[in-house]
């Protein structure tokens, strides 16, 4: 399960910039996810302690840290029964924000840094596409193109 989910996110991080460059070239300089790349995407997959079968989709908490331009994005997820990020969100955001200021100085006003808490994109027929569309939707909301 962990390897599959990491693979999905790695593929989405690889495809997203090309998707934006093809379909939204005039907006790319305003889209937070695009401008943040490449990143080190860290996260924790959590599962119900009483149900070790993953009958319910695992939860996911994740945060993206920009890395040096020209490098390939990496995904580092851990599997855990509890969310280690709870109560540490502000520190995680501060660290990611500092990395944005340092590594994406020119784009900093367009970047949004947050800890994502929610479902894991693993159970649909097209999880990579769904993930890319969710990032695009979030970026378009951020710049006021959609509500």
C-alpha atoms as a PDB file:
ATOM      1  CA  UNK A   1       0.000   0.000   0.000  1.00  0.00           C
ATOM      2  CA  UNK A   2       2.730   2.476   0.976  1.00  0.00           C
ATOM      3  CA  UNK A   3       4.740   1.819  -2.196  1.00  0.00           C
ATOM      4  CA  UNK A   4       1.641   2.186  -4.395  1.00  0.00           C
ATOM      5  CA  UNK A   5       0.693   5.519  -2.858  1.00  0.00           C
ATOM      6  CA  UNK A   6       4.243   6.856  -3.076  1.00  0.00           C
ATOM      7  CA  UNK A   7       4.331   5.769  -6.733  1.00  0.00           C
ATOM      8  CA  UNK A   8       1.059   7.626  -7.445  1.00  0.00           C
ATOM      9  CA  UNK A   9       2.370  10.838  -5.902  1.00  0.00           C
ATOM     10  CA  UNK A  10       5.743  10.514  -7.664  1.00  0.00           C
ATOM     11  CA  UNK A  11       3.993  10.163 -11.029  1.00  0.00           C
ATOM     12  CA  UNK A  12       1.711  13.117 -10.314  1.00  0.00           C
ATOM     13  CA  UNK A  13       4.678  15.305  -9.342  1.00  0.00           C
ATOM     14  CA  UNK A  14       6.425  14.280 -12.555  1.00  0.00           C
ATOM     15  CA  UNK A  15       3.419  14.912 -14.826  1.00  0.00           C
ATOM     16  CA  UNK A  16       1.991  18.083 -13.223  1.00  0.00           C
ATOM     17  CA  UNK A  17       4.552  20.566 -14.611  1.00  0.00           C
ATOM     18  CA  UNK A  18       4.183  19.177 -18.139  1.00  0.00           C
ATOM     19  CA  UNK A  19       0.390  19.271 -17.821  1.00  0.00           C
ATOM     20  CA  UNK A  20       0.505  22.941 -16.792  1.00  0.00           C
ATOM     21  CA  UNK A  21       3.006  23.862 -19.515  1.00  0.00           C
ATOM     22  CA  UNK A  22       0.768  22.289 -22.175  1.00  0.00           C
ATOM     23  CA  UNK A  23      -2.683  23.409 -21.014  1.00  0.00           C
ATOM     24  CA  UNK A  24      -2.064  26.506 -18.861  1.00  0.00           C
ATOM     25  CA  UNK A  25       1.186  28.082 -20.103  1.00  0.00           C
ATOM     26  CA  UNK A  26      -0.018  31.652 -19.519  1.00  0.00           C
ATOM     27  CA  UNK A  27      -1.017  30.904 -15.933  1.00  0.00           C
ATOM     28  CA  UNK A  28       1.972  28.828 -14.863  1.00  0.00           C
ATOM     29  CA  UNK A  29       3.777  31.791 -13.276  1.00  0.00           C
ATOM     30  CA  UNK A  30       0.864  32.165 -10.850  1.00  0.00           C
ATOM     31  CA  UNK A  31       0.166  28.536  -9.939  1.00  0.00           C
ATOM     32  CA  UNK A  32       1.540  27.684  -6.519  1.00  0.00           C
ATOM     33  CA  UNK A  33       2.021  23.959  -7.025  1.00  0.00           C
ATOM     34  CA  UNK A  34       3.815  24.495 -10.331  1.00  0.00           C
ATOM     35  CA  UNK A  35       6.070  27.194  -8.872  1.00  0.00           C
ATOM     36  CA  UNK A  36       6.906  25.111  -5.809  1.00  0.00           C
ATOM     37  CA  UNK A  37       8.291  22.194  -7.852  1.00  0.00           C
ATOM     38  CA  UNK A  38      10.539  20.325  -7.484  1.00  0.00           C
ATOM     39  CA  UNK A  39       9.714  19.322  -3.923  1.00  0.00           C
ATOM     40  CA  UNK A  40      10.349  16.812  -1.232  1.00  0.00           C
ATOM     41  CA  UNK A  41       6.825  15.673  -0.386  1.00  0.00           C
ATOM     42  CA  UNK A  42       6.764  14.280   3.127  1.00  0.00           C
ATOM     43  CA  UNK A  43       3.760  12.604   4.630  1.00  0.00           C
ATOM     44  CA  UNK A  44       2.215  10.131   6.992  1.00  0.00           C
ATOM     45  CA  UNK A  45      -0.347   7.552   5.958  1.00  0.00           C
ATOM     46  CA  UNK A  46      -2.510   6.729   8.928  1.00  0.00           C
ATOM     47  CA  UNK A  47      -4.818   3.797   9.296  1.00  0.00           C
ATOM     48  CA  UNK A  48      -7.455   2.716  11.758  1.00  0.00           C
ATOM     49  CA  UNK A  49      -5.798   0.833  14.641  1.00  0.00           C
ATOM     50  CA  UNK A  50      -8.664  -1.618  14.946  1.00  0.00           C
ATOM     51  CA  UNK A  51      -8.750  -2.397  11.233  1.00  0.00           C
ATOM     52  CA  UNK A  52      -5.356  -3.366   9.816  1.00  0.00           C
ATOM     53  CA  UNK A  53      -6.887  -4.469   6.506  1.00  0.00           C
ATOM     54  CA  UNK A  54      -7.187  -0.972   4.951  1.00  0.00           C
ATOM     55  CA  UNK A  55     -10.899  -1.575   4.441  1.00  0.00           C
ATOM     56  CA  UNK A  56     -11.239   2.163   4.937  1.00  0.00           C
ATOM     57  CA  UNK A  57      -9.014   4.380   2.826  1.00  0.00           C
ATOM     58  CA  UNK A  58      -6.003   5.548   4.831  1.00  0.00           C
ATOM     59  CA  UNK A  59      -5.739   9.147   5.864  1.00  0.00           C
ATOM     60  CA  UNK A  60      -2.882  11.254   4.626  1.00  0.00           C
ATOM     61  CA  UNK A  61      -1.113  14.228   6.136  1.00  0.00           C
ATOM     62  CA  UNK A  62       1.505  15.767   3.870  1.00  0.00           C
ATOM     63  CA  UNK A  63       3.597  18.872   3.345  1.00  0.00           C
ATOM     64  CA  UNK A  64       5.822  19.932   0.457  1.00  0.00           C
ATOM     65  CA  UNK A  65       9.289  21.385   0.920  1.00  0.00           C
ATOM     66  CA  UNK A  66      10.900  22.944  -2.159  1.00  0.00           C
ATOM     67  CA  UNK A  67      14.246  21.508  -3.162  1.00  0.00           C
ATOM     68  CA  UNK A  68      16.918  22.871  -5.493  1.00  0.00           C
ATOM     69  CA  UNK A  69      15.762  23.594  -9.035  1.00  0.00           C
ATOM     70  CA  UNK A  70      16.781  20.967 -11.559  1.00  0.00           C
ATOM     71  CA  UNK A  71      16.408  18.088  -9.132  1.00  0.00           C
ATOM     72  CA  UNK A  72      13.681  15.459  -9.324  1.00  0.00           C
ATOM     73  CA  UNK A  73      10.827  15.653  -6.832  1.00  0.00           C
ATOM     74  CA  UNK A  74      10.846  12.933  -4.187  1.00  0.00           C
ATOM     75  CA  UNK A  75       8.090  11.435  -2.089  1.00  0.00           C
ATOM     76  CA  UNK A  76       8.808  10.258   1.443  1.00  0.00           C
ATOM     77  CA  UNK A  77       5.751   8.809   3.144  1.00  0.00           C
ATOM     78  CA  UNK A  78       5.612   6.765   6.325  1.00  0.00           C
ATOM     79  CA  UNK A  79       2.917   4.391   7.462  1.00  0.00           C
ATOM     80  CA  UNK A  80       1.733   4.860  11.021  1.00  0.00           C
ATOM     81  CA  UNK A  81      -1.244   4.215  13.240  1.00  0.00           C
ATOM     82  CA  UNK A  82      -1.174   7.785  14.520  1.00  0.00           C
ATOM     83  CA  UNK A  83      -0.629  11.104  12.804  1.00  0.00           C
ATOM     84  CA  UNK A  84       2.742  12.381  14.012  1.00  0.00           C
ATOM     85  CA  UNK A  85       2.011  15.793  12.503  1.00  0.00           C
ATOM     86  CA  UNK A  86      -0.835  16.626  14.898  1.00  0.00           C
ATOM     87  CA  UNK A  87       0.153  19.600  17.005  1.00  0.00           C
ATOM     88  CA  UNK A  88       3.256  20.232  14.899  1.00  0.00           C
ATOM     89  CA  UNK A  89       1.563  21.869  11.915  1.00  0.00           C
ATOM     90  CA  UNK A  90       2.849  25.386  12.595  1.00  0.00           C
ATOM     91  CA  UNK A  91       6.466  24.205  12.872  1.00  0.00           C
ATOM     92  CA  UNK A  92       6.147  22.206   9.647  1.00  0.00           C
ATOM     93  CA  UNK A  93       4.629  25.186   7.855  1.00  0.00           C
ATOM     94  CA  UNK A  94       7.310  27.526   9.182  1.00  0.00           C
ATOM     95  CA  UNK A  95      10.075  25.216   7.953  1.00  0.00           C
ATOM     96  CA  UNK A  96       8.480  24.858   4.505  1.00  0.00           C
ATOM     97  CA  UNK A  97       7.878  28.604   4.328  1.00  0.00           C
ATOM     98  CA  UNK A  98      11.542  29.291   5.135  1.00  0.00           C
ATOM     99  CA  UNK A  99      12.580  26.890   2.382  1.00  0.00           C
ATOM    100  CA  UNK A 100      10.256  28.721  -0.029  1.00  0.00           C
ATOM    101  CA  UNK A 101      11.780  32.079   0.875  1.00  0.00           C
ATOM    102  CA  UNK A 102      15.263  30.684   0.342  1.00  0.00           C
ATOM    103  CA  UNK A 103      14.756  28.501  -2.754  1.00  0.00           C
ATOM    104  CA  UNK A 104      11.805  30.158  -4.533  1.00  0.00           C
ATOM    105  CA  UNK A 105      12.464  33.804  -3.660  1.00  0.00           C
ATOM    106  CA  UNK A 106      11.155  35.155  -6.990  1.00  0.00           C
ATOM    107  CA  UNK A 107       7.872  33.271  -6.700  1.00  0.00           C
ATOM    108  CA  UNK A 108       7.327  33.555  -2.965  1.00  0.00           C
ATOM    109  CA  UNK A 109       4.234  35.837  -3.193  1.00  0.00           C
ATOM    110  CA  UNK A 110       2.423  33.149  -5.209  1.00  0.00           C
ATOM    111  CA  UNK A 111       3.296  30.184  -3.007  1.00  0.00           C
ATOM    112  CA  UNK A 112       0.994  28.707  -0.414  1.00  0.00           C
ATOM    113  CA  UNK A 113       2.345  26.451   2.252  1.00  0.00           C
ATOM    114  CA  UNK A 114       0.061  24.172   4.239  1.00  0.00           C
ATOM    115  CA  UNK A 115      -0.233  20.762   5.805  1.00  0.00           C
ATOM    116  CA  UNK A 116      -2.725  18.753   3.782  1.00  0.00           C
ATOM    117  CA  UNK A 117      -5.003  16.600   5.896  1.00  0.00           C
ATOM    118  CA  UNK A 118      -7.439  14.326   4.153  1.00  0.00           C
ATOM    119  CA  UNK A 119      -8.026  11.299   2.046  1.00  0.00           C
ATOM    120  CA  UNK A 120      -5.434   9.480   0.083  1.00  0.00           C
ATOM    121  CA  UNK A 121      -5.757   9.370  -3.720  1.00  0.00           C
ATOM    122  CA  UNK A 122      -5.435   5.640  -4.153  1.00  0.00           C
ATOM    123  CA  UNK A 123      -8.837   4.112  -4.693  1.00  0.00           C
ATOM    124  CA  UNK A 124     -10.042   5.641  -7.955  1.00  0.00           C
ATOM    125  CA  UNK A 125      -9.466   4.224 -11.407  1.00  0.00           C
ATOM    126  CA  UNK A 126      -7.301   7.247 -12.297  1.00  0.00           C
ATOM    127  CA  UNK A 127      -5.538   8.318  -9.080  1.00  0.00           C
ATOM    128  CA  UNK A 128      -2.702  10.264 -10.761  1.00  0.00           C
ATOM    129  CA  UNK A 129      -5.169  12.257 -12.873  1.00  0.00           C
ATOM    130  CA  UNK A 130      -7.387  12.875  -9.860  1.00  0.00           C
ATOM    131  CA  UNK A 131      -4.426  14.142  -7.872  1.00  0.00           C
ATOM    132  CA  UNK A 132      -3.264  16.450 -10.683  1.00  0.00           C
ATOM    133  CA  UNK A 133      -6.777  17.868 -11.056  1.00  0.00           C
ATOM    134  CA  UNK A 134      -7.053  18.444  -7.305  1.00  0.00           C
ATOM    135  CA  UNK A 135      -3.770  20.397  -7.324  1.00  0.00           C
ATOM    136  CA  UNK A 136      -4.916  22.415 -10.326  1.00  0.00           C
ATOM    137  CA  UNK A 137      -8.258  23.158  -8.673  1.00  0.00           C
ATOM    138  CA  UNK A 138      -6.504  24.315  -5.514  1.00  0.00           C
ATOM    139  CA  UNK A 139      -4.156  26.550  -7.529  1.00  0.00           C
ATOM    140  CA  UNK A 140      -7.011  28.070  -9.536  1.00  0.00           C
ATOM    141  CA  UNK A 141      -8.952  28.800  -6.345  1.00  0.00           C
ATOM    142  CA  UNK A 142      -5.812  30.401  -4.875  1.00  0.00           C
ATOM    143  CA  UNK A 143      -5.522  32.851  -7.797  1.00  0.00           C
ATOM    144  CA  UNK A 144      -9.269  33.551  -7.899  1.00  0.00           C
ATOM    145  CA  UNK A 145     -10.115  31.831 -11.163  1.00  0.00           C
ATOM    146  CA  UNK A 146     -12.677  29.535  -9.568  1.00  0.00           C
ATOM    147  CA  UNK A 147     -14.509  29.420  -6.258  1.00  0.00           C
END
